[in-house]
Amino acid sequence: LVHVMKEEKGNEHLNGILCLIIGSIKNHNLMVILDEYEAKVVKQTFNNSTIHDQLADLGEVLEENSSVQKTEKV
């Protein structure tokens, strides 16, 4: 996902933000989920929304994944 976003032209600032956020994610399962997205899906998602919406969506994914992980551990 990071590689795909780096290839996206004209979004250097967004790329930096995403690389920083994703680079700080230590949850292996979430990384696997992100890796499964195909380049077209990622590009379409990020091209059709604002930076605010993108970060909000990423936040929701993180929250949902965190809840799932907590449930599984119990």
Protein backbone atom coordinates (compact mmCIF):
# COMPACT_ATOMS: atom_id res chain seq x y z
CA LEU A 1 0.00 0.00 0.00
CA VAL A 2 2.81 2.40 0.86
CA HIS A 3 4.52 1.55 -2.42
CA VAL A 4 1.29 2.17 -4.35
CA MET A 5 0.75 5.54 -2.71
CA LYS A 6 4.36 6.59 -3.41
CA GLU A 7 3.71 5.90 -7.09
CA GLU A 8 0.63 8.11 -7.08
CA LYS A 9 1.61 11.43 -8.69
CA GLY A 10 0.65 14.76 -7.16
CA ASN A 11 -0.10 13.41 -3.70
CA GLU A 12 3.32 13.64 -2.07
CA HIS A 13 1.96 15.25 1.11
CA LEU A 14 -0.75 12.59 1.50
CA ASN A 15 1.78 9.88 0.72
CA GLY A 16 4.01 11.13 3.52
CA ILE A 17 1.12 11.10 5.99
CA LEU A 18 0.04 7.60 5.00
CA CYS A 19 3.58 6.23 5.07
CA LEU A 20 4.04 7.69 8.54
CA ILE A 21 0.74 6.27 9.84
CA ILE A 22 1.09 2.87 8.20
CA GLY A 23 4.76 2.68 9.20
CA SER A 24 3.74 3.14 12.82
CA ILE A 25 1.11 0.40 12.72
CA LYS A 26 2.43 -2.64 14.56
CA ASN A 27 -0.65 -4.82 14.11
CA HIS A 28 0.47 -7.55 11.68
CA ASN A 29 -3.09 -8.59 10.83
CA LEU A 30 -3.99 -5.06 9.75
CA MET A 31 -0.89 -4.91 7.56
CA VAL A 32 -1.96 -8.16 5.90
CA ILE A 33 -5.42 -6.69 5.28
CA LEU A 34 -3.92 -3.54 3.76
CA ASP A 35 -1.53 -5.59 1.61
CA GLU A 36 -4.48 -7.48 0.12
CA TYR A 37 -5.92 -4.31 -1.45
CA GLU A 38 -5.18 -4.14 -5.16
CA ALA A 39 -3.60 -0.99 -6.60
CA LYS A 40 -6.74 -0.04 -8.53
CA VAL A 41 -8.96 -0.21 -5.45
CA VAL A 42 -6.49 1.84 -3.41
CA LYS A 43 -6.07 4.48 -6.11
CA GLN A 44 -9.81 4.76 -6.71
CA THR A 45 -10.52 5.09 -2.99
CA PHE A 46 -7.92 7.78 -2.41
CA ASN A 47 -8.61 9.70 -5.63
CA ASN A 48 -12.34 10.01 -4.91
CA SER A 49 -12.17 11.44 -1.41
CA THR A 50 -10.56 14.28 0.50
CA ILE A 51 -7.56 13.89 2.79
CA HIS A 52 -9.86 14.38 5.78
CA ASP A 53 -12.19 11.58 4.64
CA GLN A 54 -9.25 9.30 3.89
CA LEU A 55 -7.76 9.71 7.35
CA ALA A 56 -11.20 9.32 8.94
CA ASP A 57 -11.75 6.08 7.01
CA LEU A 58 -8.32 4.80 8.02
CA GLY A 59 -9.16 5.67 11.63
CA GLU A 60 -12.36 3.65 11.42
CA VAL A 61 -10.47 0.67 10.01
CA LEU A 62 -7.98 0.91 12.86
CA GLU A 63 -10.79 1.09 15.41
CA GLU A 64 -12.66 -1.86 13.94
CA ASN A 65 -9.51 -3.96 13.73
CA SER A 66 -8.59 -3.07 17.30
CA SER A 67 -12.03 -4.13 18.53
CA VAL A 68 -11.79 -7.42 16.65
CA GLN A 69 -8.34 -8.13 18.08
CA LYS A 70 -9.51 -7.41 21.63
CA THR A 71 -12.50 -9.71 21.17
CA GLU A 72 -10.35 -12.52 19.78
CA LYS A 73 -7.87 -12.29 22.66
CA VAL A 74 -10.68 -12.65 25.20
